[in-house]
Amino acid sequence: AGSADFRSSSGGAISAAKMANVDREKFLHVQAGDEDKFDVFVEWIAANGGHFPKLHLKEYAEGNRGVHATDVIEDSELVMSIPYRCVFTVEMGKATSTGQRVLKSNIEGRFDAPKHIYLMLFLLIDAENEDSFFQPYYRILPQFLGGMPIFWSQEEYTYLRGSHLLNQCQMRKDAIRADYEEICEVDPSFSRFPLDRFAWARMIVCSRNFGGNIRGLRSSAMVPMADMLNHYRPRETRWGFDEQKEVFTIHSCCTIGAGDSVYDSYGKKCQHRFLLNYGFSIEDNREPDGKNPNQIHMTFDLLPESEDPARAIKQMLLDQVLHISDTLRGIRVSTVYTDKTTKEAFSYLRFLHMTDREIMPFFVRCQSGDWDITRELTLPVSLENEEKVLRHFGRVCMAQLKQYDTSWDEDKARLASEDGPQPFTNERNALIYMAGEKEICHFYIDLMMEGVRYIRMLKKRNVNDARKLQGMLREKYAEHDQIHDYSGSCEYVTHAIVHLLKTTFGVRDGPPPQRSSGKGSGGAGGGRGRGGEPRQVAEDGGVDGDNIKKSKKKKKKRGKS
């Protein structure tokens, strides 16, 4: 990942017993560190109107700290109140001498994250003043951020071998360096802060700021004490800026037991954002409904002319109609079919594999200027096209798996072993992240195999095969509870395969009805409907989204009776 310009020391491994829920409980199995500086900090907050009577601050190791309850916290109770007096904002950074020069130079648009820059400026410049009002806060900020990958050693980067995250680490380093050089150019005196100190401030702000309306402006702020809460989902607290009282507040969303950690939710994010921005990975990053926000970076490009006779038409459409010059596209893909970026990946691949006959009907719509075929082609184009799309996904994922040093099964075994990397270590965080990438690869390989099998049945264009397929889909997916146990393959089937089944046979609800031989039911769809007419396959258990929803409603109704 390039040179380790910003590397700082990382903490040692911390032993922990095997736990049922490591994400919640790892903070309960560590010893508190030296709390003298924290006592001063807490006294400073309290003396200036801060209120958190049931909270206790713990430092587990350098760079690892959290907040615990000293007594039971009831649901919806005010957990913390921090007055604006103890908060510093983007506007305060703009008011510094360097901030003023940055504003006058009109270079804000060149920064990777402008709001973060101004918070960093205030933090670095104000901290030089030993008599600063905020010194008690500055003194408890971790000075070593060894958990964040931009500070890892070259040896630690080997944990991420094969992952695009290595490229992201380098891009983050490059962006920080570029921002630093821009500021030093407009204010040469700012070079008194070395690059590694600037990088430290960048990641402190990145991992701790809160955004909202503050004193009538949409801004971001550093909120002492509130930024000490660790992450957990589903959220157990909620926060906000109270403009009337001019305080930042945190309320509980559930009962929190005495001694328990008090958590904030940093939001639903992919593991790469947790690791890159906060320096940790989530052991189980699934949402309560079963959806997994983890993503993997994939790249797609136009096929060579030798493989795609329609390449020239596609190139012309991209250049002259959609005004897209770069055909190589990197897209973050998850196992959630309806995620925006996942839909874009499917859409772009459908476009890449379209024939000239398939493209032509879309030209007029593309020329309207309000529709992008490369991002919004959310339904399959044809059986042949969709099969190519699935096979393309499969090839990309199989090639990606070959880039890693270990297999998904090996990673899972190490994570489950008591002898594996311990909580809080970079090795474990990297292992969790890498296992998540490999899981997505295996998902798309499995989806390719399943989807191609269904498509091949449909390509026979035989009613009996269509009925057989619909019976298979009903058996596998119709009773699946997508609301509480999300399945990406189920969602793909109900959106894509069922659509292909309907369009292939030219009817709304499935293949054409098959006349009964009069010898009773027998076989899928053989039963007779009202008036002696044979039922259509969809009525005999179609697997479209409506049927799945109906089956859920019936199950819920039975549960209440």
Protein backbone atom coordinates (compact mmCIF):
# COMPACT_ATOMS: atom_id res chain seq x y z
CA ALA A 1 0.00 0.00 0.00
CA GLY A 2 2.90 2.31 -0.65
CA SER A 3 5.09 3.93 1.94
CA ALA A 4 3.98 3.98 5.55
CA ASP A 5 4.41 7.75 5.90
CA PHE A 6 1.90 8.06 8.73
CA ARG A 7 2.71 4.89 10.67
CA SER A 8 2.43 4.98 14.45
CA SER A 9 2.63 2.32 17.12
CA SER A 10 -0.17 -0.22 17.47
CA GLY A 11 -1.32 -1.71 20.74
CA GLY A 12 -0.55 -5.28 21.75
CA ALA A 13 -2.95 -8.19 21.71
CA ILE A 14 -5.54 -8.37 24.47
CA SER A 15 -6.58 -11.79 25.71
CA ALA A 16 -10.28 -12.58 25.87
CA ALA A 17 -12.33 -15.68 26.48
CA LYS A 18 -14.48 -17.04 23.71
CA MET A 19 -17.67 -14.99 23.71
CA ALA A 20 -21.16 -15.46 22.30
CA ASN A 21 -21.21 -11.93 20.94
CA VAL A 22 -17.71 -10.52 20.59
CA ASP A 23 -18.91 -7.22 19.14
CA ARG A 24 -20.83 -6.41 22.33
CA GLU A 25 -18.85 -8.16 25.00
CA LYS A 26 -15.20 -7.63 24.12
CA PHE A 27 -15.27 -4.32 26.00
CA LEU A 28 -16.34 -6.10 29.19
CA HIS A 29 -13.25 -8.30 29.35
CA VAL A 30 -10.49 -5.72 29.55
CA GLN A 31 -8.85 -3.83 32.37
CA ALA A 32 -9.17 -0.06 32.72
CA GLY A 33 -6.00 1.98 32.17
CA ASP A 34 -4.65 5.08 33.90
CA GLU A 35 -7.66 7.31 34.53
CA ASP A 36 -6.03 10.44 36.01
CA LYS A 37 -6.27 12.45 32.80
CA PHE A 38 -9.83 11.20 32.36
CA ASP A 39 -10.78 12.45 35.82
CA VAL A 40 -9.55 15.92 34.88
CA PHE A 41 -11.48 15.71 31.61
CA VAL A 42 -14.72 14.65 33.31
CA GLU A 43 -14.38 17.42 35.89
CA TRP A 44 -13.88 19.95 33.07
CA ILE A 45 -17.02 18.81 31.25
CA ALA A 46 -19.09 18.80 34.45
CA ALA A 47 -17.83 22.23 35.53
CA ASN A 48 -19.03 23.66 32.21
CA GLY A 49 -22.53 22.23 32.34
CA GLY A 50 -22.02 18.70 31.04
CA HIS A 51 -24.41 16.11 32.46
CA PHE A 52 -23.91 12.31 32.41
CA PRO A 53 -24.52 11.09 35.99
CA LYS A 54 -24.72 7.37 35.12
CA LEU A 55 -21.66 7.10 32.89
CA HIS A 56 -18.09 6.05 33.53
CA LEU A 57 -15.20 6.42 31.07
CA LYS A 58 -12.71 3.59 30.59
CA GLU A 59 -9.46 3.36 28.66
CA TYR A 60 -8.73 -0.29 27.84
CA ALA A 61 -5.41 0.30 26.07
CA GLU A 62 -3.85 3.19 24.17
CA GLY A 63 -6.37 4.13 21.50
CA ASN A 64 -9.10 1.85 22.87
CA ARG A 65 -11.61 3.36 25.26
CA GLY A 66 -15.34 3.35 25.90
CA VAL A 67 -18.21 4.41 28.11
CA HIS A 68 -19.94 2.19 30.69
CA ALA A 69 -23.08 2.60 32.80
CA THR A 70 -22.61 2.96 36.55
CA ASP A 71 -26.32 2.32 37.17
CA VAL A 72 -29.31 1.01 35.23
CA ILE A 73 -30.32 3.36 32.41
CA GLU A 74 -33.99 3.21 31.51
CA ASP A 75 -35.39 3.33 27.98
CA SER A 76 -35.62 6.91 26.58
CA GLU A 77 -33.61 8.32 29.48
CA LEU A 78 -31.34 11.31 28.90
CA VAL A 79 -27.91 9.69 29.04
CA MET A 80 -25.69 12.65 28.24
CA SER A 81 -25.96 16.39 27.73
CA ILE A 82 -22.95 18.38 26.47
CA PRO A 83 -23.30 22.19 26.21
CA TYR A 84 -22.29 23.95 23.00
CA ARG A 85 -19.63 25.72 25.09
CA CYS A 86 -17.67 22.44 25.13
CA VAL A 87 -18.10 21.79 21.39
CA PHE A 88 -15.94 23.12 18.57
CA THR A 89 -17.27 23.43 15.02
CA VAL A 90 -16.31 23.91 11.38
CA GLU A 91 -16.95 27.64 11.74
CA MET A 92 -14.37 27.89 14.53
CA GLY A 93 -11.81 26.30 12.24
CA LYS A 94 -12.64 28.79 9.51
CA ALA A 95 -12.02 31.61 11.98
CA THR A 96 -8.39 30.59 12.59
CA SER A 97 -5.65 32.47 10.76
CA THR A 98 -4.96 29.48 8.50
CA GLY A 99 -8.67 28.93 7.98
CA GLN A 100 -9.03 32.51 6.79
CA ARG A 101 -6.22 32.06 4.28
CA VAL A 102 -7.79 28.86 2.98
CA LEU A 103 -11.13 30.62 2.52
CA LYS A 104 -9.58 33.61 0.74
CA SER A 105 -7.59 31.32 -1.57
CA ASN A 106 -10.79 29.57 -2.67
CA ILE A 107 -9.19 26.10 -2.61
CA GLU A 108 -11.92 24.40 -0.55
CA GLY A 109 -13.14 22.42 -3.57
CA ARG A 110 -9.78 20.68 -3.87
CA PHE A 111 -9.97 19.10 -0.43
CA ASP A 112 -10.95 15.49 0.12
CA ALA A 113 -13.30 16.50 2.98
CA PRO A 114 -13.57 20.30 3.49
CA LYS A 115 -15.50 20.21 6.78
CA HIS A 116 -12.94 17.86 8.26
CA ILE A 117 -10.15 20.22 7.18
CA TYR A 118 -11.55 23.12 9.20
CA LEU A 119 -12.07 20.96 12.29
CA MET A 120 -8.49 19.74 11.92
CA LEU A 121 -7.21 23.30 11.64
CA PHE A 122 -8.88 24.30 14.89
CA LEU A 123 -7.68 21.15 16.66
CA LEU A 124 -4.06 21.53 15.62
CA ILE A 125 -3.77 25.31 16.03
CA ASP A 126 -5.75 25.66 19.26
CA ALA A 127 -3.93 22.74 20.88
CA GLU A 128 -0.68 24.74 20.60
CA ASN A 129 -2.05 27.02 23.31
CA GLU A 130 -1.34 25.37 26.65
CA ASP A 131 -4.02 27.57 28.23
CA SER A 132 -6.70 26.61 25.70
CA PHE A 133 -10.15 25.99 27.12
CA PHE A 134 -10.16 22.63 25.33
CA GLN A 135 -6.86 21.29 26.71
CA PRO A 136 -8.54 18.70 29.00
CA TYR A 137 -10.14 17.24 25.85
CA TYR A 138 -6.98 17.36 23.76
CA ARG A 139 -5.04 15.50 26.44
CA ILE A 140 -7.30 12.46 26.38
CA LEU A 141 -7.32 12.07 22.60
CA PRO A 142 -5.36 8.94 21.64
CA GLN A 143 -1.95 9.89 20.32
CA PHE A 144 -1.44 6.58 18.53
CA LEU A 145 -3.95 5.42 15.93
CA GLY A 146 -2.25 2.17 15.03
CA GLY A 147 -5.57 0.43 14.39
CA MET A 148 -6.29 2.59 11.35
CA PRO A 149 -4.83 1.02 8.20
CA ILE A 150 -3.14 4.19 6.92
CA PHE A 151 -0.83 3.89 9.95
CA TRP A 152 -0.10 0.17 9.56
CA SER A 153 3.37 -1.23 8.93
CA GLN A 154 4.33 -2.95 5.68
CA GLU A 155 4.13 -6.28 7.49
CA GLU A 156 0.58 -5.53 8.62
CA TYR A 157 -0.42 -4.66 5.06
CA THR A 158 0.23 -8.30 4.14
CA TYR A 159 -2.96 -9.12 6.08
CA LEU A 160 -4.87 -7.35 3.28
CA ARG A 161 -3.06 -8.91 0.34
CA GLY A 162 -5.41 -9.31 -2.63
CA SER A 163 -7.91 -6.69 -1.42
CA HIS A 164 -8.74 -3.36 -3.04
CA LEU A 165 -8.55 -1.92 0.48
CA LEU A 166 -4.79 -1.68 0.00
CA ASN A 167 -5.42 0.72 -2.88
CA GLN A 168 -7.88 2.68 -0.75
CA CYS A 169 -5.24 3.04 1.99
CA GLN A 170 -2.83 4.52 -0.51
CA MET A 171 -5.51 6.79 -1.98
CA ARG A 172 -6.31 8.05 1.53
CA LYS A 173 -2.62 8.74 2.17
CA ASP A 174 -2.32 10.55 -1.14
CA ALA A 175 -5.42 12.66 -0.41
CA ILE A 176 -4.09 13.63 3.04
CA ARG A 177 -0.73 14.59 1.58
CA ALA A 178 -2.41 16.63 -1.18
CA ASP A 179 -4.56 18.49 1.37
CA TYR A 180 -1.52 19.18 3.53
CA GLU A 181 0.45 20.58 0.62
CA GLU A 182 -2.45 22.80 -0.47
CA ILE A 183 -2.68 24.33 3.01
CA CYS A 184 1.08 24.81 3.33
CA GLU A 185 1.09 26.57 -0.02
CA VAL A 186 -1.43 29.23 1.09
CA ASP A 187 0.01 29.41 4.61
CA PRO A 188 3.70 28.40 4.75
CA SER A 189 3.69 28.74 8.54
CA PHE A 190 1.42 25.69 8.71
CA SER A 191 4.41 23.51 7.84
CA ARG A 192 5.33 23.70 11.53
CA PHE A 193 2.94 20.74 11.83
CA PRO A 194 4.60 17.68 10.25
CA LEU A 195 2.66 15.55 7.78
CA ASP A 196 2.23 12.66 10.21
CA ARG A 197 0.66 15.03 12.77
CA PHE A 198 -1.68 16.34 10.08
CA ALA A 199 -2.62 12.74 9.21
CA TRP A 200 -3.28 12.03 12.89
CA ALA A 201 -5.64 15.02 13.10
CA ARG A 202 -7.36 13.95 9.88
CA MET A 203 -8.23 10.54 11.29
CA ILE A 204 -9.16 11.89 14.74
CA VAL A 205 -11.70 14.18 13.10
CA CYS A 206 -12.83 11.58 10.55
CA SER A 207 -13.65 9.06 13.27
CA ARG A 208 -15.19 11.40 15.86
CA ASN A 209 -17.13 14.29 14.31
CA PHE A 210 -20.93 14.70 14.46
CA GLY A 211 -22.93 16.44 11.74
CA GLY A 212 -26.09 18.48 12.23
CA ASN A 213 -27.64 21.93 12.56
CA ILE A 214 -25.56 23.94 15.02
CA ARG A 215 -26.41 27.55 15.78
CA GLY A 216 -28.54 27.71 12.67
CA LEU A 217 -25.92 26.32 10.29
CA ARG A 218 -25.51 22.89 8.75
CA SER A 219 -22.14 22.00 10.19
CA SER A 220 -19.96 19.35 11.82
CA ALA A 221 -18.55 19.40 15.32
CA MET A 222 -16.28 17.64 17.75
CA VAL A 223 -18.29 16.77 20.87
CA PRO A 224 -16.11 15.75 23.84
CA MET A 225 -17.31 12.72 25.80
CA ALA A 226 -19.99 11.89 23.21
CA ASP A 227 -17.23 10.72 20.86
CA MET A 228 -16.13 8.09 23.38
CA LEU A 229 -19.07 5.74 22.76
CA ASN A 230 -18.20 2.62 20.79
CA HIS A 231 -20.25 1.26 17.90
CA TYR A 232 -23.01 -1.33 18.00
CA ARG A 233 -26.08 -2.06 15.88
CA PRO A 234 -29.00 -2.08 16.20
CA ARG A 235 -28.60 1.24 17.93
CA GLU A 236 -29.10 1.51 21.68
CA THR A 237 -28.87 5.30 21.86
CA ARG A 238 -29.84 8.28 19.71
CA TRP A 239 -28.15 11.67 19.54
CA GLY A 240 -28.83 15.17 18.28
CA PHE A 241 -28.21 18.89 18.61
CA ASP A 242 -30.85 20.69 20.71
CA GLU A 243 -30.82 24.19 19.24
CA GLN A 244 -33.18 25.64 21.84
CA LYS A 245 -31.11 24.58 24.82
CA GLU A 246 -27.82 24.73 22.89
CA VAL A 247 -26.73 21.29 24.00
CA PHE A 248 -25.79 18.03 22.34
CA THR A 249 -27.87 15.20 23.80
CA ILE A 250 -27.81 11.41 23.84
CA HIS A 251 -30.90 9.41 24.87
CA SER A 252 -31.20 5.67 25.39
CA CYS A 253 -33.30 3.54 23.03
CA CYS A 254 -33.53 0.60 25.42
CA THR A 255 -32.73 -0.39 29.00
CA ILE A 256 -28.97 -0.56 29.64
CA GLY A 257 -27.75 -2.58 32.62
CA ALA A 258 -25.35 -1.36 35.29
CA GLY A 259 -21.77 -2.04 34.20
CA ASP A 260 -22.75 -2.51 30.54
CA SER A 261 -21.08 -0.62 27.73
CA VAL A 262 -23.09 2.30 26.40
CA TYR A 263 -23.01 2.25 22.62
CA ASP A 264 -23.63 4.61 19.75
CA SER A 265 -24.41 3.42 16.22
CA TYR A 266 -22.03 4.71 13.58
CA GLY A 267 -24.59 3.69 10.97
CA LYS A 268 -25.09 0.84 8.54
CA LYS A 269 -21.74 0.61 6.78
CA CYS A 270 -19.56 -1.76 4.83
CA GLN A 271 -16.60 -3.20 6.71
CA HIS A 272 -14.15 -1.20 4.58
CA ARG A 273 -15.54 2.04 6.02
CA PHE A 274 -15.34 0.77 9.60
CA LEU A 275 -11.77 -0.43 9.17
CA LEU A 276 -10.46 2.47 7.11
CA ASN A 277 -12.16 5.28 9.06
CA TYR A 278 -12.39 3.88 12.60
CA GLY A 279 -9.76 1.15 12.82
CA PHE A 280 -11.99 -1.84 13.62
CA SER A 281 -14.08 -4.50 11.92
CA ILE A 282 -17.45 -5.90 12.98
CA GLU A 283 -17.47 -9.60 13.81
CA ASP A 284 -21.03 -9.95 12.51
CA ASN A 285 -22.00 -7.00 10.33
CA ARG A 286 -25.48 -8.25 9.43
CA GLU A 287 -28.52 -6.12 10.13
CA PRO A 288 -31.42 -7.52 12.21
CA ASP A 289 -33.28 -8.31 8.96
CA GLY A 290 -30.37 -10.41 7.72
CA LYS A 291 -29.04 -7.94 5.14
CA ASN A 292 -25.28 -7.64 5.00
CA PRO A 293 -23.95 -4.16 4.05
CA ASN A 294 -20.46 -5.51 3.29
CA GLN A 295 -19.22 -4.80 -0.24
CA ILE A 296 -16.37 -5.80 -2.51
CA HIS A 297 -14.83 -3.63 -5.21
CA MET A 298 -15.24 -5.06 -8.73
CA THR A 299 -14.15 -3.55 -12.05
CA PHE A 300 -15.95 -3.94 -15.39
CA ASP A 301 -15.14 -2.68 -18.88
CA LEU A 302 -16.34 -2.97 -22.46
CA LEU A 303 -15.51 -6.31 -24.02
CA PRO A 304 -12.92 -6.36 -26.83
CA GLU A 305 -14.24 -6.08 -30.40
CA SER A 306 -13.27 -9.69 -31.06
CA GLU A 307 -15.82 -10.77 -28.44
CA ASP A 308 -18.45 -8.07 -28.91
CA PRO A 309 -19.71 -7.09 -32.40
CA ALA A 310 -21.79 -4.34 -30.74
CA ARG A 311 -18.83 -2.65 -29.07
CA ALA A 312 -18.73 0.27 -31.53
CA ILE A 313 -22.42 1.03 -30.93
CA LYS A 314 -21.92 0.95 -27.17
CA GLN A 315 -18.87 3.18 -27.39
CA MET A 316 -20.81 5.69 -29.47
CA LEU A 317 -23.75 5.63 -27.05
CA LEU A 318 -21.41 6.21 -24.10
CA ASP A 319 -19.44 8.99 -25.79
CA GLN A 320 -22.09 10.91 -27.72
CA VAL A 321 -25.33 10.25 -25.85
CA LEU A 322 -24.41 9.62 -22.21
CA HIS A 323 -21.14 11.60 -22.32
CA ILE A 324 -19.27 8.91 -20.43
CA SER A 325 -15.62 8.81 -21.48
CA ASP A 326 -14.20 6.21 -19.10
CA THR A 327 -15.60 2.75 -19.82
CA LEU A 328 -13.60 1.02 -17.04
CA ARG A 329 -15.86 1.23 -14.03
CA GLY A 330 -15.14 0.26 -10.42
CA ILE A 331 -18.28 -0.62 -8.49
CA ARG A 332 -18.76 -1.76 -4.89
CA VAL A 333 -21.04 -4.80 -4.91
CA SER A 334 -22.90 -6.38 -1.99
CA THR A 335 -25.07 -9.48 -1.62
CA VAL A 336 -28.17 -7.25 -1.41
CA TYR A 337 -29.58 -7.25 -4.95
CA THR A 338 -31.54 -4.01 -4.57
CA ASP A 339 -28.63 -1.96 -3.16
CA LYS A 340 -27.92 1.01 -5.41
CA THR A 341 -24.38 0.02 -6.32
CA THR A 342 -25.28 -3.66 -6.76
CA LYS A 343 -28.06 -2.68 -9.16
CA GLU A 344 -25.54 -0.52 -11.01
CA ALA A 345 -23.20 -3.51 -11.38
CA PHE A 346 -25.98 -5.68 -12.82
CA SER A 347 -27.10 -2.83 -15.05
CA TYR A 348 -23.62 -2.16 -16.42
CA LEU A 349 -22.99 -5.85 -17.09
CA ARG A 350 -26.33 -6.16 -18.89
CA PHE A 351 -25.29 -3.22 -21.04
CA LEU A 352 -21.84 -4.69 -21.70
CA HIS A 353 -23.34 -7.96 -22.93
CA MET A 354 -26.21 -6.57 -25.02
CA THR A 355 -26.37 -7.30 -28.74
CA ASP A 356 -26.95 -4.47 -31.24
CA ARG A 357 -30.57 -5.62 -31.63
CA GLU A 358 -31.06 -5.44 -27.85
CA ILE A 359 -29.52 -1.97 -27.59
CA MET A 360 -31.45 -0.20 -30.35
CA PRO A 361 -34.84 -0.04 -28.55
CA PHE A 362 -33.16 1.86 -25.68
CA PHE A 363 -31.56 4.61 -27.78
CA VAL A 364 -34.50 7.01 -27.70
CA ARG A 365 -34.85 6.68 -23.94
CA CYS A 366 -31.12 7.30 -23.47
CA GLN A 367 -31.31 10.40 -25.67
CA SER A 368 -33.95 11.89 -23.38
CA GLY A 369 -31.15 12.65 -20.95
CA ASP A 370 -33.00 11.47 -17.83
CA TRP A 371 -32.11 7.78 -17.99
CA ASP A 372 -28.71 6.05 -17.89
CA ILE A 373 -28.78 2.55 -19.36
CA THR A 374 -25.49 1.73 -17.65
CA ARG A 375 -26.94 2.35 -14.17
CA GLU A 376 -30.70 1.93 -14.44
CA LEU A 377 -31.22 -1.22 -16.49
CA THR A 378 -32.72 -2.96 -13.48
CA LEU A 379 -34.54 -5.81 -15.27
CA PRO A 380 -32.97 -8.59 -17.36
CA VAL A 381 -32.75 -7.94 -21.10
CA SER A 382 -33.03 -11.51 -22.33
CA LEU A 383 -32.25 -15.07 -21.29
CA GLU A 384 -29.00 -15.06 -23.24
CA ASN A 385 -27.92 -11.70 -21.86
CA GLU A 386 -28.66 -12.57 -18.23
CA GLU A 387 -26.75 -15.83 -18.49
CA LYS A 388 -23.71 -13.89 -19.72
CA VAL A 389 -24.12 -11.43 -16.84
CA LEU A 390 -24.13 -14.19 -14.24
CA ARG A 391 -21.17 -15.94 -15.83
CA HIS A 392 -19.27 -12.64 -15.89
CA PHE A 393 -19.92 -12.17 -12.17
CA GLY A 394 -18.75 -15.72 -11.55
CA ARG A 395 -15.51 -15.24 -13.51
CA VAL A 396 -14.68 -12.00 -11.70
CA CYS A 397 -15.26 -13.59 -8.28
CA MET A 398 -13.31 -16.75 -9.07
CA ALA A 399 -10.39 -14.63 -10.27
CA GLN A 400 -10.64 -12.49 -7.12
CA LEU A 401 -10.48 -15.51 -4.82
CA LYS A 402 -7.18 -16.50 -6.44
CA GLN A 403 -5.69 -13.17 -5.31
CA TYR A 404 -5.96 -14.07 -1.62
CA ASP A 405 -3.41 -16.01 0.43
CA THR A 406 -6.08 -18.00 2.30
CA SER A 407 -9.53 -19.40 1.64
CA TRP A 408 -12.80 -18.31 3.21
CA ASP A 409 -13.01 -21.61 5.14
CA GLU A 410 -9.51 -21.07 6.53
CA ASP A 411 -10.41 -17.54 7.63
CA LYS A 412 -13.58 -18.70 9.37
CA ALA A 413 -11.67 -21.43 11.18
CA ARG A 414 -9.05 -18.96 12.44
CA LEU A 415 -11.72 -16.53 13.63
CA ALA A 416 -13.53 -19.30 15.52
CA SER A 417 -10.37 -20.66 17.14
CA GLU A 418 -9.28 -19.55 20.60
CA ASP A 419 -5.75 -19.55 19.21
CA GLY A 420 -6.70 -17.15 16.43
CA PRO A 421 -6.00 -13.40 16.35
CA GLN A 422 -7.33 -11.67 19.47
CA PRO A 423 -9.89 -8.83 19.74
CA PHE A 424 -8.60 -5.28 19.12
CA THR A 425 -5.62 -6.51 17.07
CA ASN A 426 -5.02 -5.38 13.51
CA GLU A 427 -4.58 -8.97 12.42
CA ARG A 428 -8.06 -9.92 13.61
CA ASN A 429 -9.69 -6.82 12.15
CA ALA A 430 -8.02 -7.55 8.81
CA LEU A 431 -9.06 -11.20 8.96
CA ILE A 432 -12.70 -10.28 9.61
CA TYR A 433 -12.60 -7.85 6.70
CA MET A 434 -11.00 -10.31 4.28
CA ALA A 435 -13.45 -13.06 5.23
CA GLY A 436 -16.28 -10.64 4.36
CA GLU A 437 -14.88 -10.06 0.87
CA LYS A 438 -14.53 -13.78 0.25
CA GLU A 439 -18.08 -14.41 1.44
CA ILE A 440 -19.38 -12.05 -1.27
CA CYS A 441 -17.29 -13.80 -3.92
CA HIS A 442 -18.71 -17.18 -2.93
CA PHE A 443 -22.22 -15.73 -2.96
CA TYR A 444 -21.91 -14.64 -6.60
CA ILE A 445 -20.31 -17.92 -7.67
CA ASP A 446 -23.23 -19.78 -6.09
CA LEU A 447 -25.72 -17.32 -7.63
CA MET A 448 -24.15 -17.88 -11.04
CA MET A 449 -24.54 -21.65 -10.75
CA GLU A 450 -28.12 -21.39 -9.54
CA GLY A 451 -29.22 -18.68 -11.96
CA VAL A 452 -27.63 -20.30 -15.04
CA ARG A 453 -29.39 -23.54 -14.18
CA TYR A 454 -32.76 -21.77 -14.15
CA ILE A 455 -32.03 -19.84 -17.32
CA ARG A 456 -31.04 -23.00 -19.18
CA MET A 457 -34.39 -24.51 -18.28
CA LEU A 458 -36.16 -21.43 -19.64
CA LYS A 459 -34.08 -21.41 -22.82
CA LYS A 460 -35.69 -24.72 -23.80
CA ARG A 461 -38.93 -22.69 -24.09
CA ASN A 462 -40.86 -25.76 -23.08
CA VAL A 463 -43.99 -25.33 -20.97
CA ASN A 464 -43.31 -28.45 -18.93
CA ASP A 465 -39.81 -27.25 -18.06
CA ALA A 466 -41.24 -23.86 -17.13
CA ARG A 467 -43.73 -25.52 -14.82
CA LYS A 468 -40.99 -27.63 -13.31
CA LEU A 469 -38.90 -24.51 -12.73
CA GLN A 470 -41.76 -22.69 -11.11
CA GLY A 471 -42.33 -25.62 -8.80
CA MET A 472 -38.64 -25.58 -7.87
CA LEU A 473 -38.73 -21.88 -7.12
CA ARG A 474 -41.87 -22.18 -5.05
CA GLU A 475 -40.40 -25.02 -3.01
CA LYS A 476 -37.17 -23.14 -2.37
CA TYR A 477 -38.33 -19.55 -1.92
CA ALA A 478 -42.09 -19.03 -1.59
CA GLU A 479 -42.11 -19.66 2.16
CA HIS A 480 -38.85 -17.83 2.82
CA ASP A 481 -39.25 -14.93 5.25
CA GLN A 482 -37.45 -12.11 3.46
CA ILE A 483 -38.54 -9.58 6.06
CA HIS A 484 -36.67 -11.18 8.96
CA ASP A 485 -34.14 -13.43 7.19
CA TYR A 486 -33.01 -11.71 4.02
CA SER A 487 -31.63 -13.84 1.19
CA GLY A 488 -29.87 -12.16 -1.73
CA SER A 489 -30.48 -15.14 -3.99
CA CYS A 490 -34.19 -15.10 -3.15
CA GLU A 491 -34.39 -11.41 -4.05
CA TYR A 492 -32.52 -11.96 -7.30
CA VAL A 493 -34.83 -14.82 -8.25
CA THR A 494 -37.99 -12.84 -7.52
CA HIS A 495 -36.73 -9.80 -9.43
CA ALA A 496 -34.85 -11.37 -12.32
CA ILE A 497 -35.62 -15.05 -12.88
CA VAL A 498 -39.37 -14.70 -12.39
CA HIS A 499 -39.33 -11.70 -14.75
CA LEU A 500 -37.57 -13.82 -17.37
CA LEU A 501 -40.07 -16.62 -16.86
CA LYS A 502 -42.97 -14.24 -17.45
CA THR A 503 -41.49 -12.50 -20.48
CA THR A 504 -40.33 -15.76 -22.07
CA PHE A 505 -43.85 -17.15 -22.11
CA GLY A 506 -45.56 -13.85 -22.89
CA VAL A 507 -48.09 -13.85 -20.06
CA ARG A 508 -48.45 -11.80 -16.93
CA ASP A 509 -48.42 -14.51 -14.30
CA GLY A 510 -46.30 -17.28 -15.78
CA PRO A 511 -46.25 -19.74 -18.71
CA PRO A 512 -49.41 -20.42 -20.72
CA PRO A 513 -51.96 -22.78 -19.18
CA GLN A 514 -51.60 -26.40 -20.10
CA ARG A 515 -54.74 -28.34 -20.91
CA SER A 516 -55.44 -31.21 -18.59
CA SER A 517 -55.66 -34.71 -19.98
CA GLY A 518 -58.70 -35.30 -17.81
CA LYS A 519 -56.94 -37.96 -15.76
CA GLY A 520 -56.72 -35.97 -12.54
CA SER A 521 -54.07 -33.60 -11.33
CA GLY A 522 -50.65 -35.14 -11.19
CA GLY A 523 -47.57 -32.96 -11.54
CA ALA A 524 -46.98 -29.30 -11.01
CA GLY A 525 -49.86 -27.21 -12.27
CA GLY A 526 -51.98 -30.20 -13.22
CA GLY A 527 -54.88 -29.30 -10.92
CA ARG A 528 -58.06 -27.75 -12.26
CA GLY A 529 -59.43 -24.35 -11.40
CA ARG A 530 -62.96 -23.07 -11.16
CA GLY A 531 -65.33 -23.87 -13.99
CA GLY A 532 -63.27 -26.86 -15.05
CA GLU A 533 -60.52 -24.71 -16.63
CA PRO A 534 -56.91 -25.61 -15.83
CA ARG A 535 -55.15 -23.17 -13.56
CA GLN A 536 -52.16 -21.18 -14.76
CA VAL A 537 -48.87 -22.06 -13.20
CA ALA A 538 -48.69 -18.81 -11.21
CA GLU A 539 -51.97 -19.63 -9.49
CA ASP A 540 -50.53 -23.02 -8.67
CA GLY A 541 -47.67 -21.45 -6.75
CA GLY A 542 -45.96 -18.71 -8.74
CA VAL A 543 -42.90 -17.28 -7.07
CA ASP A 544 -43.27 -13.58 -7.83
CA GLY A 545 -42.87 -11.07 -5.03
CA ASP A 546 -46.61 -10.79 -4.47
CA ASN A 547 -46.92 -14.50 -3.74
CA ILE A 548 -44.07 -14.35 -1.25
CA LYS A 549 -45.71 -11.43 0.54
CA LYS A 550 -49.05 -13.22 0.61
CA SER A 551 -47.48 -16.29 2.16
CA LYS A 552 -45.91 -14.12 4.88
CA LYS A 553 -49.18 -12.42 5.69
CA LYS A 554 -50.90 -15.79 6.07
CA LYS A 555 -48.19 -16.99 8.41
CA LYS A 556 -48.47 -13.85 10.54
CA LYS A 557 -52.24 -14.16 10.71
CA ARG A 558 -51.99 -17.76 11.88
CA GLY A 559 -49.54 -16.66 14.55
CA LYS A 560 -52.02 -14.20 16.05
CA SER A 561 -54.94 -16.61 16.20
